[in-house]
PDB file of N, CA and C in Angstrom:
ATOM      1  N   UNK A   1      89.917  84.272 124.370  1.00  0.00           N
ATOM      2  CA  UNK A   1      91.101  85.046 124.057  1.00  0.00           C
ATOM      3  C   UNK A   1      90.749  86.531 124.181  1.00  0.00           C
ATOM      4  N   UNK A   2      91.607  87.292 124.844  1.00  0.00           N
ATOM      5  CA  UNK A   2      91.305  88.715 125.020  1.00  0.00           C
ATOM      6  C   UNK A   2      91.704  89.522 123.779  1.00  0.00           C
ATOM      7  N   UNK A   3      91.250  90.757 123.741  1.00  0.00           N
ATOM      8  CA  UNK A   3      91.432  91.602 122.571  1.00  0.00           C
ATOM      9  C   UNK A   3      92.908  91.878 122.291  1.00  0.00           C
ATOM     10  N   UNK A   4      93.731  91.941 123.326  1.00  0.00           N
ATOM     11  CA  UNK A   4      95.135  92.239 123.105  1.00  0.00           C
ATOM     12  C   UNK A   4      95.886  91.051 122.508  1.00  0.00           C
ATOM     13  N   UNK A   5      95.511  89.857 122.906  1.00  0.00           N
ATOM     14  CA  UNK A   5      96.097  88.661 122.293  1.00  0.00           C
ATOM     15  C   UNK A   5      95.677  88.574 120.823  1.00  0.00           C
ATOM     16  N   UNK A   6      94.404  88.853 120.551  1.00  0.00           N
ATOM     17  CA  UNK A   6      93.939  88.882 119.160  1.00  0.00           C
ATOM     18  C   UNK A   6      94.678  89.951 118.365  1.00  0.00           C
ATOM     19  N   UNK A   7      94.894  91.114 118.970  1.00  0.00           N
ATOM     20  CA  UNK A   7      95.622  92.193 118.281  1.00  0.00           C
ATOM     21  C   UNK A   7      97.035  91.742 117.929  1.00  0.00           C
ATOM     22  N   UNK A   8      97.684  91.031 118.843  1.00  0.00           N
ATOM     23  CA  UNK A   8      99.031  90.517 118.545  1.00  0.00           C
ATOM     24  C   UNK A   8      98.989  89.542 117.373  1.00  0.00           C
ATOM     25  N   UNK A   9      97.952  88.728 117.316  1.00  0.00           N
ATOM     26  CA  UNK A   9      97.829  87.787 116.199  1.00  0.00           C
ATOM     27  C   UNK A   9      97.556  88.514 114.888  1.00  0.00           C
ATOM     28  N   UNK A  10      96.728  89.568 114.925  1.00  0.00           N
ATOM     29  CA  UNK A  10      96.501  90.369 113.707  1.00  0.00           C
ATOM     30  C   UNK A  10      97.816  90.990 113.249  1.00  0.00           C
ATOM     31  N   UNK A  11      98.627  91.423 114.201  1.00  0.00           N
ATOM     32  CA  UNK A  11      99.932  91.995 113.875  1.00  0.00           C
ATOM     33  C   UNK A  11     100.842  90.933 113.264  1.00  0.00           C
ATOM     34  N   UNK A  12     100.967  89.796 113.923  1.00  0.00           N
ATOM     35  CA  UNK A  12     101.888  88.743 113.493  1.00  0.00           C
ATOM     36  C   UNK A  12     101.426  88.029 112.225  1.00  0.00           C
ATOM     37  N   UNK A  13     100.168  87.666 112.168  1.00  0.00           N
ATOM     38  CA  UNK A  13      99.671  86.813 111.091  1.00  0.00           C
ATOM     39  C   UNK A  13      99.193  87.581 109.865  1.00  0.00           C
ATOM     40  N   UNK A  14      98.662  88.787 110.072  1.00  0.00           N
ATOM     41  CA  UNK A  14      98.153  89.557 108.937  1.00  0.00           C
ATOM     42  C   UNK A  14      99.010  90.771 108.618  1.00  0.00           C
ATOM     43  N   UNK A  15     100.033  91.008 109.419  1.00  0.00           N
ATOM     44  CA  UNK A  15     100.962  92.084 109.110  1.00  0.00           C
ATOM     45  C   UNK A  15     100.435  93.477 109.371  1.00  0.00           C
ATOM     46  N   UNK A  16      99.446  93.620 110.238  1.00  0.00           N
ATOM     47  CA  UNK A  16      98.955  94.956 110.585  1.00  0.00           C
ATOM     48  C   UNK A  16      99.965  95.557 111.559  1.00  0.00           C
ATOM     49  N   UNK A  17     100.779  96.473 111.069  1.00  0.00           N
ATOM     50  CA  UNK A  17     101.923  96.980 111.829  1.00  0.00           C
ATOM     51  C   UNK A  17     101.539  97.922 112.960  1.00  0.00           C
ATOM     52  N   UNK A  18     100.613  98.810 112.718  1.00  0.00           N
ATOM     53  CA  UNK A  18     100.222  99.816 113.707  1.00  0.00           C
ATOM     54  C   UNK A  18      99.433  99.148 114.835  1.00  0.00           C
ATOM     55  N   UNK A  19      99.929  99.209 116.081  1.00  0.00           N
ATOM     56  CA  UNK A  19      99.246  98.537 117.190  1.00  0.00           C
ATOM     57  C   UNK A  19      97.791  98.959 117.368  1.00  0.00           C
ATOM     58  N   UNK A  20      97.495 100.243 117.173  1.00  0.00           N
ATOM     59  CA  UNK A  20      96.111 100.677 117.369  1.00  0.00           C
ATOM     60  C   UNK A  20      95.192 100.106 116.288  1.00  0.00           C
ATOM     61  N   UNK A  21      95.694  99.933 115.070  1.00  0.00           N
ATOM     62  CA  UNK A  21      94.875  99.339 114.009  1.00  0.00           C
ATOM     63  C   UNK A  21      94.690  97.840 114.233  1.00  0.00           C
ATOM     64  N   UNK A  22      95.723  97.164 114.727  1.00  0.00           N
ATOM     65  CA  UNK A  22      95.589  95.746 115.046  1.00  0.00           C
ATOM     66  C   UNK A  22      94.562  95.549 116.158  1.00  0.00           C
ATOM     67  N   UNK A  23      94.584  96.431 117.148  1.00  0.00           N
ATOM     68  CA  UNK A  23      93.610  96.357 118.239  1.00  0.00           C
ATOM     69  C   UNK A  23      92.204  96.645 117.723  1.00  0.00           C
ATOM     70  N   UNK A  24      92.086  97.628 116.834  1.00  0.00           N
ATOM     71  CA  UNK A  24      90.780  97.944 116.262  1.00  0.00           C
ATOM     72  C   UNK A  24      90.253  96.751 115.463  1.00  0.00           C
ATOM     73  N   UNK A  25      91.112  96.083 114.694  1.00  0.00           N
ATOM     74  CA  UNK A  25      90.688  94.901 113.939  1.00  0.00           C
ATOM     75  C   UNK A  25      90.192  93.820 114.888  1.00  0.00           C
ATOM     76  N   UNK A  26      90.897  93.622 115.977  1.00  0.00           N
ATOM     77  CA  UNK A  26      90.496  92.611 116.966  1.00  0.00           C
ATOM     78  C   UNK A  26      89.154  92.964 117.591  1.00  0.00           C
ATOM     79  N   UNK A  27      88.944  94.236 117.891  1.00  0.00           N
ATOM     80  CA  UNK A  27      87.677  94.663 118.499  1.00  0.00           C
ATOM     81  C   UNK A  27      86.516  94.548 117.522  1.00  0.00           C
ATOM     82  N   UNK A  28      86.743  94.933 116.269  1.00  0.00           N
ATOM     83  CA  UNK A  28      85.663  94.927 115.286  1.00  0.00           C
ATOM     84  C   UNK A  28      85.319  93.529 114.792  1.00  0.00           C
ATOM     85  N   UNK A  29      86.337  92.726 114.509  1.00  0.00           N
ATOM     86  CA  UNK A  29      86.115  91.466 113.812  1.00  0.00           C
ATOM     87  C   UNK A  29      86.405  90.222 114.642  1.00  0.00           C
ATOM     88  N   UNK A  30      86.801  90.406 115.917  1.00  0.00           N
ATOM     89  CA  UNK A  30      87.150  89.279 116.775  1.00  0.00           C
ATOM     90  C   UNK A  30      88.184  88.434 116.026  1.00  0.00           C
ATOM     91  N   UNK A  31      87.993  87.145 115.877  1.00  0.00           N
ATOM     92  CA  UNK A  31      88.984  86.336 115.175  1.00  0.00           C
ATOM     93  C   UNK A  31      88.575  86.008 113.737  1.00  0.00           C
ATOM     94  N   UNK A  32      87.524  86.649 113.225  1.00  0.00           N
ATOM     95  CA  UNK A  32      87.035  86.369 111.876  1.00  0.00           C
ATOM     96  C   UNK A  32      88.097  86.638 110.813  1.00  0.00           C
ATOM     97  N   UNK A  33      88.799  87.751 110.906  1.00  0.00           N
ATOM     98  CA  UNK A  33      89.838  88.065 109.925  1.00  0.00           C
ATOM     99  C   UNK A  33      90.948  87.028 109.925  1.00  0.00           C
ATOM    100  N   UNK A  34      91.318  86.567 111.104  1.00  0.00           N
ATOM    101  CA  UNK A  34      92.357  85.545 111.221  1.00  0.00           C
ATOM    102  C   UNK A  34      91.894  84.217 110.630  1.00  0.00           C
ATOM    103  N   UNK A  35      90.657  83.845 110.917  1.00  0.00           N
ATOM    104  CA  UNK A  35      90.109  82.597 110.375  1.00  0.00           C
ATOM    105  C   UNK A  35      90.017  82.660 108.857  1.00  0.00           C
ATOM    106  N   UNK A  36      89.611  83.825 108.334  1.00  0.00           N
ATOM    107  CA  UNK A  36      89.495  83.998 106.896  1.00  0.00           C
ATOM    108  C   UNK A  36      90.858  83.860 106.229  1.00  0.00           C
ATOM    109  N   UNK A  37      91.863  84.506 106.797  1.00  0.00           N
ATOM    110  CA  UNK A  37      93.217  84.442 106.238  1.00  0.00           C
ATOM    111  C   UNK A  37      93.764  83.015 106.304  1.00  0.00           C
ATOM    112  N   UNK A  38      93.534  82.323 107.408  1.00  0.00           N
ATOM    113  CA  UNK A  38      94.002  80.934 107.532  1.00  0.00           C
ATOM    114  C   UNK A  38      93.316  80.021 106.525  1.00  0.00           C
ATOM    115  N   UNK A  39      92.019  80.221 106.325  1.00  0.00           N
ATOM    116  CA  UNK A  39      91.292  79.428 105.333  1.00  0.00           C
ATOM    117  C   UNK A  39      91.888  79.635 103.947  1.00  0.00           C
ATOM    118  N   UNK A  40      92.122  80.896 103.590  1.00  0.00           N
ATOM    119  CA  UNK A  40      92.670  81.191 102.269  1.00  0.00           C
ATOM    120  C   UNK A  40      94.076  80.615 102.104  1.00  0.00           C
ATOM    121  N   UNK A  41      94.887  80.685 103.148  1.00  0.00           N
ATOM    122  CA  UNK A  41      96.230  80.089 103.087  1.00  0.00           C
ATOM    123  C   UNK A  41      96.130  78.578 102.885  1.00  0.00           C
ATOM    124  N   UNK A  42      95.195  77.941 103.585  1.00  0.00           N
ATOM    125  CA  UNK A  42      95.000  76.496 103.439  1.00  0.00           C
ATOM    126  C   UNK A  42      94.560  76.130 102.020  1.00  0.00           C
ATOM    127  N   UNK A  43      93.904  77.054 101.335  1.00  0.00           N
ATOM    128  CA  UNK A  43      93.442  76.832  99.963  1.00  0.00           C
ATOM    129  C   UNK A  43      94.507  77.186  98.926  1.00  0.00           C
ATOM    130  N   UNK A  44      95.700  77.570  99.379  1.00  0.00           N
ATOM    131  CA  UNK A  44      96.799  77.837  98.453  1.00  0.00           C
ATOM    132  C   UNK A  44      97.030  79.293  98.111  1.00  0.00           C
ATOM    133  N   UNK A  45      96.312  80.199  98.749  1.00  0.00           N
ATOM    134  CA  UNK A  45      96.505  81.626  98.506  1.00  0.00           C
ATOM    135  C   UNK A  45      97.611  82.147  99.420  1.00  0.00           C
ATOM    136  N   UNK A  46      98.325  83.139  98.954  1.00  0.00           N
ATOM    137  CA  UNK A  46      99.337  83.766  99.805  1.00  0.00           C
ATOM    138  C   UNK A  46      98.876  85.180 100.153  1.00  0.00           C
ATOM    139  N   UNK A  47      99.135  85.562 101.377  1.00  0.00           N
ATOM    140  CA  UNK A  47      98.751  86.881 101.855  1.00  0.00           C
ATOM    141  C   UNK A  47      99.702  87.922 101.265  1.00  0.00           C
ATOM    142  N   UNK A  48      99.137  88.948 100.640  1.00  0.00           N
ATOM    143  CA  UNK A  48      99.945  90.012 100.058  1.00  0.00           C
ATOM    144  C   UNK A  48      99.988  91.206 101.007  1.00  0.00           C
ATOM    145  N   UNK A  49      98.814  91.635 101.459  1.00  0.00           N
ATOM    146  CA  UNK A  49      98.763  92.794 102.352  1.00  0.00           C
ATOM    147  C   UNK A  49      97.395  92.890 103.009  1.00  0.00           C
ATOM    148  N   UNK A  50      97.323  93.766 103.990  1.00  0.00           N
ATOM    149  CA  UNK A  50      96.055  94.118 104.621  1.00  0.00           C
ATOM    150  C   UNK A  50      95.984  95.628 104.707  1.00  0.00           C
ATOM    151  N   UNK A  51      94.783  96.152 104.670  1.00  0.00           N
ATOM    152  CA  UNK A  51      94.605  97.596 104.820  1.00  0.00           C
ATOM    153  C   UNK A  51      93.195  97.863 105.319  1.00  0.00           C
ATOM    154  N   UNK A  52      93.015  99.039 105.865  1.00  0.00           N
ATOM    155  CA  UNK A  52      91.690  99.480 106.284  1.00  0.00           C
ATOM    156  C   UNK A  52      91.174 100.505 105.290  1.00  0.00           C
ATOM    157  N   UNK A  53      89.879 100.416 105.017  1.00  0.00           N
ATOM    158  CA  UNK A  53      89.189 101.484 104.307  1.00  0.00           C
ATOM    159  C   UNK A  53      88.041 101.882 105.215  1.00  0.00           C
ATOM    160  N   UNK A  54      87.620 103.105 105.143  1.00  0.00           N
ATOM    161  CA  UNK A  54      86.602 103.591 106.079  1.00  0.00           C
ATOM    162  C   UNK A  54      87.040 103.231 107.492  1.00  0.00           C
ATOM    163  N   UNK A  55      88.124 103.784 107.948  1.00  0.00           N
ATOM    164  CA  UNK A  55      88.878 103.348 109.120  1.00  0.00           C
ATOM    165  C   UNK A  55      88.094 102.664 110.222  1.00  0.00           C
ATOM    166  N   UNK A  56      86.828 102.838 110.283  1.00  0.00           N
ATOM    167  CA  UNK A  56      86.098 102.204 111.378  1.00  0.00           C
ATOM    168  C   UNK A  56      85.230 101.033 110.941  1.00  0.00           C
ATOM    169  N   UNK A  57      85.323 100.606 109.673  1.00  0.00           N
ATOM    170  CA  UNK A  57      84.377  99.585 109.231  1.00  0.00           C
ATOM    171  C   UNK A  57      84.963  98.441 108.418  1.00  0.00           C
ATOM    172  N   UNK A  58      85.954  98.653 107.585  1.00  0.00           N
ATOM    173  CA  UNK A  58      86.329  97.639 106.601  1.00  0.00           C
ATOM    174  C   UNK A  58      87.802  97.276 106.645  1.00  0.00           C
ATOM    175  N   UNK A  59      88.061  95.995 106.739  1.00  0.00           N
ATOM    176  CA  UNK A  59      89.414  95.452 106.661  1.00  0.00           C
ATOM    177  C   UNK A  59      89.522  94.700 105.343  1.00  0.00           C
ATOM    178  N   UNK A  60      90.525  95.038 104.539  1.00  0.00           N
ATOM    179  CA  UNK A  60      90.734  94.407 103.245  1.00  0.00           C
ATOM    180  C   UNK A  60      91.950  93.499 103.355  1.00  0.00           C
ATOM    181  N   UNK A  61      91.762  92.244 102.982  1.00  0.00           N
ATOM    182  CA  UNK A  61      92.840  91.265 102.959  1.00  0.00           C
ATOM    183  C   UNK A  61      93.127  90.970 101.489  1.00  0.00           C
ATOM    184  N   UNK A  62      94.332  91.322 101.045  1.00  0.00           N
ATOM    185  CA  UNK A  62      94.713  91.070  99.656  1.00  0.00           C
ATOM    186  C   UNK A  62      95.483  89.760  99.597  1.00  0.00           C
ATOM    187  N   UNK A  63      95.046  88.867  98.711  1.00  0.00           N
ATOM    188  CA  UNK A  63      95.677  87.560  98.557  1.00  0.00           C
ATOM    189  C   UNK A  63      95.997  87.310  97.084  1.00  0.00           C
ATOM    190  N   UNK A  64      96.867  86.346  96.864  1.00  0.00           N
ATOM    191  CA  UNK A  64      97.272  85.994  95.505  1.00  0.00           C
ATOM    192  C   UNK A  64      97.379  84.478  95.394  1.00  0.00           C
ATOM    193  N   UNK A  65      96.989  83.986  94.230  1.00  0.00           N
ATOM    194  CA  UNK A  65      97.169  82.572  93.906  1.00  0.00           C
ATOM    195  C   UNK A  65      97.577  82.513  92.447  1.00  0.00           C
ATOM    196  N   UNK A  66      98.782  82.027  92.211  1.00  0.00           N
ATOM    197  CA  UNK A  66      99.292  82.015  90.839  1.00  0.00           C
ATOM    198  C   UNK A  66      99.435  83.439  90.340  1.00  0.00           C
ATOM    199  N   UNK A  67      98.881  83.717  89.180  1.00  0.00           N
ATOM    200  CA  UNK A  67      98.971  85.058  88.613  1.00  0.00           C
ATOM    201  C   UNK A  67      97.723  85.905  88.886  1.00  0.00           C
ATOM    202  N   UNK A  68      96.832  85.418  89.727  1.00  0.00           N
ATOM    203  CA  UNK A  68      95.597  86.146  90.042  1.00  0.00           C
ATOM    204  C   UNK A  68      95.668  86.700  91.454  1.00  0.00           C
ATOM    205  N   UNK A  69      95.179  87.917  91.615  1.00  0.00           N
ATOM    206  CA  UNK A  69      95.110  88.492  92.960  1.00  0.00           C
ATOM    207  C   UNK A  69      93.678  88.919  93.253  1.00  0.00           C
ATOM    208  N   UNK A  70      93.340  88.867  94.541  1.00  0.00           N
ATOM    209  CA  UNK A  70      91.987  89.151  94.997  1.00  0.00           C
ATOM    210  C   UNK A  70      92.032  89.973  96.260  1.00  0.00           C
ATOM    211  N   UNK A  71      90.959  90.706  96.504  1.00  0.00           N
ATOM    212  CA  UNK A  71      90.784  91.413  97.777  1.00  0.00           C
ATOM    213  C   UNK A  71      89.526  90.896  98.433  1.00  0.00           C
ATOM    214  N   UNK A  72      89.666  90.491  99.686  1.00  0.00           N
ATOM    215  CA  UNK A  72      88.532  90.042 100.489  1.00  0.00           C
ATOM    216  C   UNK A  72      88.268  91.143 101.495  1.00  0.00           C
ATOM    217  N   UNK A  73      87.061  91.660 101.528  1.00  0.00           N
ATOM    218  CA  UNK A  73      86.720  92.764 102.422  1.00  0.00           C
ATOM    219  C   UNK A  73      85.805  92.275 103.534  1.00  0.00           C
ATOM    220  N   UNK A  74      86.240  92.520 104.764  1.00  0.00           N
ATOM    221  CA  UNK A  74      85.392  92.289 105.937  1.00  0.00           C
ATOM    222  C   UNK A  74      84.840  93.648 106.322  1.00  0.00           C
ATOM    223  N   UNK A  75      83.544  93.762 106.368  1.00  0.00           N
ATOM    224  CA  UNK A  75      82.909  95.050 106.655  1.00  0.00           C
ATOM    225  C   UNK A  75      81.976  94.910 107.830  1.00  0.00           C
ATOM    226  N   UNK A  76      82.172  95.742 108.805  1.00  0.00           N
ATOM    227  CA  UNK A  76      81.280  95.777 109.984  1.00  0.00           C
ATOM    228  C   UNK A  76      80.011  96.503 109.595  1.00  0.00           C
ATOM    229  N   UNK A  77      78.873  95.860 109.822  1.00  0.00           N
ATOM    230  CA  UNK A  77      77.600  96.518 109.457  1.00  0.00           C
ATOM    231  C   UNK A  77      76.901  97.033 110.678  1.00  0.00           C
TER     232      UNK A  77
END
């Protein structure tokens, strides 16, 4: 799968609205972020939001299950 198809999936599945950020997520993390989000959804968590911190290194996926919320951080090392 090419980077632009992955970027479209980051946009559609994780709600990353800005095309350049979706493309950056695809370039940095390949499909890892998508797999992580799908795993969490399969475990009963719902996706709340995604955001970048340290614009070039970390993608934060915020999820919720019941009354508990969590942030999963993918960090490029």
